[in-house]
Amino acid sequence: MKARKYITWILSFVFVVFGAGDLSVARPESSLALVSKVIQRVLRQQGGKDWVDAKRGETLAAGDKIRTGQSSLAVIKFKDNSMVRVRELSELTIEGENNSGVFFKSVEIEKGAVGFNIRRQGEGEEFRFSSPTSVASIRGTGGQFLLADSADLLVVVEGAVLYTNQVSRESVEVRAGFSGVSRKDGTIVARPFTDEEQREAIEASRQTDRENEFELDLRDNQGNRRKLRIEFK
């Protein structure tokens, strides 16, 4: 517990005093998160400007976008040490605000998938994932959120999430061990997750200090799966 508080304090200190590190202009007053890891092709867009290569240590403010390419990964860490892993071929926007010391944080996903490990939120605070189809309201949990052609899939491996379909406005609670399926036709259900959903969600949401390690989940022509672990300098 002391170590966690210490890490959170250090992150806050870096945001306020040093900002982005290698950015020419830091934005400490509006920073919500930082780019903790970049693997392969990761792009960043600030304030509607051109897309540029994202760099580890850069800060992210409300409205900033992240996009990942094929076999690429980005890890985003928020000020409270919550972690979001942006999987390959994904695009999202960071949003948030501070209202009298109460932080609201939101990740708006346009395509792809994210793994997440969200720290327990304070009184009145919320961390939210959203898509055109769904909203996942989180107080503290881990799992994976994935957008597909016909439905969004929320897999919860720890805690519980209030999951809402934006078409019908119906909601279900998705607890650890369950997946929420939110369809574009307005239907939404919670069901036990499959073994494959569990494995992928655990991998997507895990936190590690080994910043020089990256895993790919590969399939051959027969549908067989294997893990490829890459270590880099």
C-alpha atoms as a PDB file:
ATOM      1  CA  MET A   1       0.000   0.000   0.000  1.00  0.00           C
ATOM      2  CA  LYS A   2       2.813   2.404   0.876  1.00  0.00           C
ATOM      3  CA  ALA A   3       4.578   1.565  -2.379  1.00  0.00           C
ATOM      4  CA  ARG A   4       1.412   2.280  -4.371  1.00  0.00           C
ATOM      5  CA  LYS A   5       0.936   5.646  -2.684  1.00  0.00           C
ATOM      6  CA  TYR A   6       4.580   6.436  -3.314  1.00  0.00           C
ATOM      7  CA  ILE A   7       4.295   5.614  -7.039  1.00  0.00           C
ATOM      8  CA  THR A   8       1.141   7.723  -7.334  1.00  0.00           C
ATOM      9  CA  TRP A   9       2.885  10.651  -5.609  1.00  0.00           C
ATOM     10  CA  ILE A  10       5.889  10.368  -7.929  1.00  0.00           C
ATOM     11  CA  LEU A  11       3.676  10.330 -11.027  1.00  0.00           C
ATOM     12  CA  SER A  12       1.798  13.404  -9.828  1.00  0.00           C
ATOM     13  CA  PHE A  13       5.076  15.178  -9.081  1.00  0.00           C
ATOM     14  CA  VAL A  14       6.424  14.407 -12.561  1.00  0.00           C
ATOM     15  CA  PHE A  15       3.239  15.708 -14.183  1.00  0.00           C
ATOM     16  CA  VAL A  16       3.233  18.960 -12.251  1.00  0.00           C
ATOM     17  CA  VAL A  17       6.938  19.796 -12.269  1.00  0.00           C
ATOM     18  CA  PHE A  18       8.419  18.162 -15.343  1.00  0.00           C
ATOM     19  CA  GLY A  19       5.432  17.648 -17.643  1.00  0.00           C
ATOM     20  CA  ALA A  20       6.233  15.587 -20.748  1.00  0.00           C
ATOM     21  CA  GLY A  21       9.983  15.282 -20.322  1.00  0.00           C
ATOM     22  CA  ASP A  22      11.063  15.502 -23.971  1.00  0.00           C
ATOM     23  CA  LEU A  23       8.121  17.615 -25.173  1.00  0.00           C
ATOM     24  CA  SER A  24       9.048  21.133 -26.158  1.00  0.00           C
ATOM     25  CA  VAL A  25       5.939  22.530 -24.477  1.00  0.00           C
ATOM     26  CA  ALA A  26       4.578  20.773 -21.397  1.00  0.00           C
ATOM     27  CA  ARG A  27       0.941  21.065 -20.352  1.00  0.00           C
ATOM     28  CA  PRO A  28       0.982  20.191 -16.637  1.00  0.00           C
ATOM     29  CA  GLU A  29      -2.197  22.087 -15.890  1.00  0.00           C
ATOM     30  CA  SER A  30      -4.269  19.874 -18.209  1.00  0.00           C
ATOM     31  CA  SER A  31      -2.381  16.574 -18.170  1.00  0.00           C
ATOM     32  CA  LEU A  32      -4.445  13.512 -17.332  1.00  0.00           C
ATOM     33  CA  ALA A  33      -2.082  10.662 -18.181  1.00  0.00           C
ATOM     34  CA  LEU A  34       1.235   9.785 -19.758  1.00  0.00           C
ATOM     35  CA  VAL A  35       2.422   7.341 -22.409  1.00  0.00           C
ATOM     36  CA  SER A  36       4.205   4.672 -20.367  1.00  0.00           C
ATOM     37  CA  LYS A  37       5.159   2.273 -23.171  1.00  0.00           C
ATOM     38  CA  VAL A  38       5.328   2.353 -26.976  1.00  0.00           C
ATOM     39  CA  ILE A  39       5.825  -0.778 -29.074  1.00  0.00           C
ATOM     40  CA  GLN A  40       6.139  -0.606 -32.867  1.00  0.00           C
ATOM     41  CA  ARG A  41       3.847   1.926 -34.587  1.00  0.00           C
ATOM     42  CA  VAL A  42       1.983   4.228 -32.188  1.00  0.00           C
ATOM     43  CA  LEU A  43       0.674   7.643 -33.227  1.00  0.00           C
ATOM     44  CA  ARG A  44      -0.611  10.562 -31.197  1.00  0.00           C
ATOM     45  CA  GLN A  45      -2.818  13.513 -32.131  1.00  0.00           C
ATOM     46  CA  GLN A  46      -3.017  16.650 -30.022  1.00  0.00           C
ATOM     47  CA  GLY A  47      -5.781  19.207 -30.395  1.00  0.00           C
ATOM     48  CA  GLY A  48      -6.753  18.216 -33.927  1.00  0.00           C
ATOM     49  CA  LYS A  49      -3.203  18.650 -35.242  1.00  0.00           C
ATOM     50  CA  ASP A  50      -1.422  16.179 -37.516  1.00  0.00           C
ATOM     51  CA  TRP A  51      -0.732  12.655 -36.286  1.00  0.00           C
ATOM     52  CA  VAL A  52       2.847  12.218 -35.042  1.00  0.00           C
ATOM     53  CA  ASP A  53       4.843   9.366 -33.529  1.00  0.00           C
ATOM     54  CA  ALA A  54       4.051   8.904 -29.843  1.00  0.00           C
ATOM     55  CA  LYS A  55       6.985   8.811 -27.448  1.00  0.00           C
ATOM     56  CA  ARG A  56       7.336   7.242 -24.048  1.00  0.00           C
ATOM     57  CA  GLY A  57       6.980   9.838 -21.302  1.00  0.00           C
ATOM     58  CA  GLU A  58       4.743  12.242 -23.214  1.00  0.00           C
ATOM     59  CA  THR A  59       1.752  13.587 -21.322  1.00  0.00           C
ATOM     60  CA  LEU A  60      -1.826  13.289 -22.545  1.00  0.00           C
ATOM     61  CA  ALA A  61      -4.494  15.942 -22.014  1.00  0.00           C
ATOM     62  CA  ALA A  62      -8.233  15.963 -22.659  1.00  0.00           C
ATOM     63  CA  GLY A  63      -8.929  15.520 -26.353  1.00  0.00           C
ATOM     64  CA  ASP A  64      -5.622  13.811 -27.188  1.00  0.00           C
ATOM     65  CA  LYS A  65      -5.874  10.701 -29.377  1.00  0.00           C
ATOM     66  CA  ILE A  66      -3.795   7.526 -29.565  1.00  0.00           C
ATOM     67  CA  ARG A  67      -3.696   5.129 -32.540  1.00  0.00           C
ATOM     68  CA  THR A  68      -1.833   1.815 -32.786  1.00  0.00           C
ATOM     69  CA  GLY A  69      -0.736  -0.040 -35.912  1.00  0.00           C
ATOM     70  CA  GLN A  70      -0.382  -3.721 -36.763  1.00  0.00           C
ATOM     71  CA  SER A  71       1.390  -5.759 -34.035  1.00  0.00           C
ATOM     72  CA  SER A  72       1.712  -2.556 -31.955  1.00  0.00           C
ATOM     73  CA  LEU A  73       0.945  -1.619 -28.367  1.00  0.00           C
ATOM     74  CA  ALA A  74       0.719   1.480 -26.192  1.00  0.00           C
ATOM     75  CA  VAL A  75       0.417   1.598 -22.405  1.00  0.00           C
ATOM     76  CA  ILE A  76      -1.207   4.669 -20.863  1.00  0.00           C
ATOM     77  CA  LYS A  77      -0.930   5.423 -17.151  1.00  0.00           C
ATOM     78  CA  PHE A  78      -3.168   7.953 -15.437  1.00  0.00           C
ATOM     79  CA  LYS A  79      -2.286  10.122 -12.455  1.00  0.00           C
ATOM     80  CA  ASP A  80      -3.903   7.671 -10.045  1.00  0.00           C
ATOM     81  CA  ASN A  81      -1.719   4.881 -11.524  1.00  0.00           C
ATOM     82  CA  SER A  82      -4.625   3.310 -13.426  1.00  0.00           C
ATOM     83  CA  MET A  83      -3.359   1.510 -16.524  1.00  0.00           C
ATOM     84  CA  VAL A  84      -4.847   1.151 -20.011  1.00  0.00           C
ATOM     85  CA  ARG A  85      -3.197  -1.086 -22.618  1.00  0.00           C
ATOM     86  CA  VAL A  86      -4.094  -0.034 -26.139  1.00  0.00           C
ATOM     87  CA  ARG A  87      -4.035  -3.154 -28.297  1.00  0.00           C
ATOM     88  CA  GLU A  88      -3.077  -3.294 -31.970  1.00  0.00           C
ATOM     89  CA  LEU A  89      -5.192  -1.545 -34.640  1.00  0.00           C
ATOM     90  CA  SER A  90      -6.985   0.564 -32.029  1.00  0.00           C
ATOM     91  CA  GLU A  91      -7.858   4.238 -31.759  1.00  0.00           C
ATOM     92  CA  LEU A  92      -9.084   6.173 -28.729  1.00  0.00           C
ATOM     93  CA  THR A  93      -9.470   9.620 -27.208  1.00  0.00           C
ATOM     94  CA  ILE A  94      -8.538  10.624 -23.659  1.00  0.00           C
ATOM     95  CA  GLU A  95     -11.075  12.818 -21.858  1.00  0.00           C
ATOM     96  CA  GLY A  96     -11.408  14.077 -18.302  1.00  0.00           C
ATOM     97  CA  GLU A  97     -11.873  16.968 -15.950  1.00  0.00           C
ATOM     98  CA  ASN A  98     -11.170  18.038 -12.400  1.00  0.00           C
ATOM     99  CA  ASN A  99     -14.185  19.473 -10.593  1.00  0.00           C
ATOM    100  CA  SER A 100     -13.159  20.814  -7.187  1.00  0.00           C
ATOM    101  CA  GLY A 101     -10.640  18.038  -6.671  1.00  0.00           C
ATOM    102  CA  VAL A 102     -12.942  15.255  -7.950  1.00  0.00           C
ATOM    103  CA  PHE A 103     -11.493  13.652 -11.082  1.00  0.00           C
ATOM    104  CA  PHE A 104     -13.567  12.248 -13.917  1.00  0.00           C
ATOM    105  CA  LYS A 105     -11.639  10.218 -16.494  1.00  0.00           C
ATOM    106  CA  SER A 106     -12.918   8.787 -19.752  1.00  0.00           C
ATOM    107  CA  VAL A 107     -11.463   6.756 -22.624  1.00  0.00           C
ATOM    108  CA  GLU A 108     -13.548   6.991 -25.785  1.00  0.00           C
ATOM    109  CA  ILE A 109     -12.753   4.048 -28.056  1.00  0.00           C
ATOM    110  CA  GLU A 110     -13.432   4.359 -31.769  1.00  0.00           C
ATOM    111  CA  LYS A 111     -12.081   0.948 -32.781  1.00  0.00           C
ATOM    112  CA  GLY A 112     -10.000  -1.955 -31.495  1.00  0.00           C
ATOM    113  CA  ALA A 113      -9.524  -3.147 -27.927  1.00  0.00           C
ATOM    114  CA  VAL A 114      -8.010  -2.093 -24.601  1.00  0.00           C
ATOM    115  CA  GLY A 115      -6.932  -3.985 -21.528  1.00  0.00           C
ATOM    116  CA  PHE A 116      -7.321  -2.138 -18.250  1.00  0.00           C
ATOM    117  CA  ASN A 117      -6.390  -2.212 -14.603  1.00  0.00           C
ATOM    118  CA  ILE A 118      -8.193   0.672 -12.935  1.00  0.00           C
ATOM    119  CA  ARG A 119      -7.389   1.730  -9.377  1.00  0.00           C
ATOM    120  CA  ARG A 120     -10.288   2.090  -6.970  1.00  0.00           C
ATOM    121  CA  GLN A 121     -11.788   5.518  -7.524  1.00  0.00           C
ATOM    122  CA  GLY A 122     -12.374   8.057  -4.786  1.00  0.00           C
ATOM    123  CA  GLU A 123     -15.720   9.304  -3.548  1.00  0.00           C
ATOM    124  CA  GLY A 124     -17.635  10.843  -6.457  1.00  0.00           C
ATOM    125  CA  GLU A 125     -14.947   9.876  -8.972  1.00  0.00           C
ATOM    126  CA  GLU A 126     -15.400   7.658 -11.994  1.00  0.00           C
ATOM    127  CA  PHE A 127     -13.389   6.027 -14.754  1.00  0.00           C
ATOM    128  CA  ARG A 128     -15.398   5.349 -17.887  1.00  0.00           C
ATOM    129  CA  PHE A 129     -14.853   3.541 -21.174  1.00  0.00           C
ATOM    130  CA  SER A 130     -17.236   4.414 -23.970  1.00  0.00           C
ATOM    131  CA  SER A 131     -17.937   3.560 -27.601  1.00  0.00           C
ATOM    132  CA  PRO A 132     -20.782   4.529 -29.948  1.00  0.00           C
ATOM    133  CA  THR A 133     -22.625   1.458 -28.605  1.00  0.00           C
ATOM    134  CA  SER A 134     -21.679   1.114 -24.932  1.00  0.00           C
ATOM    135  CA  VAL A 135     -20.541   2.785 -21.719  1.00  0.00           C
ATOM    136  CA  ALA A 136     -18.624   0.935 -18.992  1.00  0.00           C
ATOM    137  CA  SER A 137     -18.600   2.812 -15.664  1.00  0.00           C
ATOM    138  CA  ILE A 138     -15.751   1.632 -13.453  1.00  0.00           C
ATOM    139  CA  ARG A 139     -14.885   2.277  -9.815  1.00  0.00           C
ATOM    140  CA  GLY A 140     -11.893  -0.098  -9.743  1.00  0.00           C
ATOM    141  CA  THR A 141     -11.390  -3.321 -11.679  1.00  0.00           C
ATOM    142  CA  GLY A 142      -9.436  -5.165 -14.366  1.00  0.00           C
ATOM    143  CA  GLY A 143     -10.372  -6.692 -17.700  1.00  0.00           C
ATOM    144  CA  GLN A 144     -10.674  -6.024 -21.409  1.00  0.00           C
ATOM    145  CA  PHE A 145     -13.034  -3.955 -23.581  1.00  0.00           C
ATOM    146  CA  LEU A 146     -13.277  -4.882 -27.259  1.00  0.00           C
ATOM    147  CA  LEU A 147     -15.240  -3.407 -30.163  1.00  0.00           C
ATOM    148  CA  ALA A 148     -16.456  -5.793 -32.886  1.00  0.00           C
ATOM    149  CA  ASP A 149     -18.672  -5.348 -35.947  1.00  0.00           C
ATOM    150  CA  SER A 150     -21.978  -6.277 -34.317  1.00  0.00           C
ATOM    151  CA  ALA A 151     -21.320  -5.879 -30.588  1.00  0.00           C
ATOM    152  CA  ASP A 152     -18.979  -4.647 -27.876  1.00  0.00           C
ATOM    153  CA  LEU A 153     -17.473  -7.179 -25.472  1.00  0.00           C
ATOM    154  CA  LEU A 154     -16.540  -6.330 -21.879  1.00  0.00           C
ATOM    155  CA  VAL A 155     -14.633  -9.034 -19.975  1.00  0.00           C
ATOM    156  CA  VAL A 156     -14.184  -8.524 -16.206  1.00  0.00           C
ATOM    157  CA  VAL A 157     -11.538 -10.446 -14.276  1.00  0.00           C
ATOM    158  CA  GLU A 158     -11.689  -8.401 -11.065  1.00  0.00           C
ATOM    159  CA  GLY A 159     -14.311  -6.175  -9.449  1.00  0.00           C
ATOM    160  CA  ALA A 160     -17.584  -5.175 -11.099  1.00  0.00           C
ATOM    161  CA  VAL A 161     -18.646  -2.794 -13.871  1.00  0.00           C
ATOM    162  CA  LEU A 162     -21.942  -1.068 -14.656  1.00  0.00           C
ATOM    163  CA  TYR A 163     -22.363  -1.694 -18.388  1.00  0.00           C
ATOM    164  CA  THR A 164     -24.873   0.369 -20.400  1.00  0.00           C
ATOM    165  CA  ASN A 165     -26.078   0.082 -23.982  1.00  0.00           C
ATOM    166  CA  GLN A 166     -26.260   3.572 -25.501  1.00  0.00           C
ATOM    167  CA  VAL A 167     -29.015   2.589 -27.951  1.00  0.00           C
ATOM    168  CA  SER A 168     -31.559   1.176 -25.483  1.00  0.00           C
ATOM    169  CA  ARG A 169     -30.118   2.808 -22.293  1.00  0.00           C
ATOM    170  CA  GLU A 170     -30.466  -0.585 -20.582  1.00  0.00           C
ATOM    171  CA  SER A 171     -27.758  -1.566 -18.088  1.00  0.00           C
ATOM    172  CA  VAL A 172     -26.366  -4.735 -16.537  1.00  0.00           C
ATOM    173  CA  GLU A 173     -23.768  -5.309 -13.839  1.00  0.00           C
ATOM    174  CA  VAL A 174     -20.812  -7.332 -15.080  1.00  0.00           C
ATOM    175  CA  ARG A 175     -18.923  -8.983 -12.218  1.00  0.00           C
ATOM    176  CA  ALA A 176     -15.607 -10.817 -12.142  1.00  0.00           C
ATOM    177  CA  GLY A 177     -15.914 -14.053 -14.096  1.00  0.00           C
ATOM    178  CA  PHE A 178     -18.462 -12.633 -16.520  1.00  0.00           C
ATOM    179  CA  SER A 179     -18.543 -10.952 -19.923  1.00  0.00           C
ATOM    180  CA  GLY A 180     -20.978  -8.256 -21.002  1.00  0.00           C
ATOM    181  CA  VAL A 181     -22.185  -8.277 -24.602  1.00  0.00           C
ATOM    182  CA  SER A 182     -23.688  -4.990 -25.816  1.00  0.00           C
ATOM    183  CA  ARG A 183     -25.155  -5.132 -29.334  1.00  0.00           C
ATOM    184  CA  LYS A 184     -25.878  -2.387 -31.812  1.00  0.00           C
ATOM    185  CA  ASP A 185     -29.549  -3.442 -31.872  1.00  0.00           C
ATOM    186  CA  GLY A 186     -29.861  -2.290 -28.242  1.00  0.00           C
ATOM    187  CA  THR A 187     -29.684  -5.653 -26.466  1.00  0.00           C
ATOM    188  CA  ILE A 188     -27.238  -6.178 -23.615  1.00  0.00           C
ATOM    189  CA  VAL A 189     -26.528  -9.286 -21.516  1.00  0.00           C
ATOM    190  CA  ALA A 190     -24.018 -10.558 -18.958  1.00  0.00           C
ATOM    191  CA  ARG A 191     -22.875 -14.185 -19.174  1.00  0.00           C
ATOM    192  CA  PRO A 192     -19.986 -16.289 -17.776  1.00  0.00           C
ATOM    193  CA  PHE A 193     -16.837 -15.615 -19.763  1.00  0.00           C
ATOM    194  CA  THR A 194     -15.240 -18.321 -21.900  1.00  0.00           C
ATOM    195  CA  ASP A 195     -11.781 -19.725 -21.195  1.00  0.00           C
ATOM    196  CA  GLU A 196     -10.403 -17.837 -24.195  1.00  0.00           C
ATOM    197  CA  GLU A 197     -11.987 -14.542 -23.076  1.00  0.00           C
ATOM    198  CA  GLN A 198     -10.520 -15.044 -19.613  1.00  0.00           C
ATOM    199  CA  ARG A 199      -7.005 -15.738 -20.922  1.00  0.00           C
ATOM    200  CA  GLU A 200      -7.022 -12.741 -23.229  1.00  0.00           C
ATOM    201  CA  ALA A 201      -8.433 -10.399 -20.574  1.00  0.00           C
ATOM    202  CA  ILE A 202      -5.888 -11.461 -17.950  1.00  0.00           C
ATOM    203  CA  GLU A 203      -3.050 -10.912 -20.395  1.00  0.00           C
ATOM    204  CA  ALA A 204      -4.452  -7.572 -21.567  1.00  0.00           C
ATOM    205  CA  SER A 205      -4.942  -6.232 -18.040  1.00  0.00           C
ATOM    206  CA  ARG A 206      -1.776  -7.456 -16.356  1.00  0.00           C
ATOM    207  CA  GLN A 207       0.677  -4.922 -14.984  1.00  0.00           C
ATOM    208  CA  THR A 208       4.395  -5.545 -15.168  1.00  0.00           C
ATOM    209  CA  ASP A 209       7.564  -3.671 -14.382  1.00  0.00           C
ATOM    210  CA  ARG A 210       9.292  -5.388 -17.291  1.00  0.00           C
ATOM    211  CA  GLU A 211       8.981  -2.516 -19.746  1.00  0.00           C
ATOM    212  CA  ASN A 212      11.238  -4.294 -22.275  1.00  0.00           C
ATOM    213  CA  GLU A 213       8.851  -7.211 -22.788  1.00  0.00           C
ATOM    214  CA  PHE A 214       5.972  -7.572 -25.236  1.00  0.00           C
ATOM    215  CA  GLU A 215       3.755 -10.550 -26.051  1.00  0.00           C
ATOM    216  CA  LEU A 216       1.847 -11.297 -29.257  1.00  0.00           C
ATOM    217  CA  ASP A 217      -1.068 -13.720 -29.447  1.00  0.00           C
ATOM    218  CA  LEU A 218      -0.653 -15.559 -32.764  1.00  0.00           C
ATOM    219  CA  ARG A 219      -2.808 -18.036 -34.691  1.00  0.00           C
ATOM    220  CA  ASP A 220      -1.805 -20.351 -37.535  1.00  0.00           C
ATOM    221  CA  ASN A 221      -3.939 -21.364 -40.545  1.00  0.00           C
ATOM    222  CA  GLN A 222      -5.565 -24.155 -38.505  1.00  0.00           C
ATOM    223  CA  GLY A 223      -6.630 -21.773 -35.746  1.00  0.00           C
ATOM    224  CA  ASN A 224      -4.035 -22.986 -33.236  1.00  0.00           C
ATOM    225  CA  ARG A 225      -2.810 -20.313 -30.803  1.00  0.00           C
ATOM    226  CA  ARG A 226       0.634 -19.645 -29.438  1.00  0.00           C
ATOM    227  CA  LYS A 227       2.357 -16.849 -27.540  1.00  0.00           C
ATOM    228  CA  LEU A 228       5.336 -15.015 -28.974  1.00  0.00           C
ATOM    229  CA  ARG A 229       7.294 -13.102 -26.334  1.00  0.00           C
ATOM    230  CA  ILE A 230       9.609 -10.367 -27.576  1.00  0.00           C
ATOM    231  CA  GLU A 231      12.264  -8.720 -25.429  1.00  0.00           C
ATOM    232  CA  PHE A 232      13.887  -5.540 -26.659  1.00  0.00           C
ATOM    233  CA  LYS A 233      16.402  -2.960 -25.504  1.00  0.00           C
END
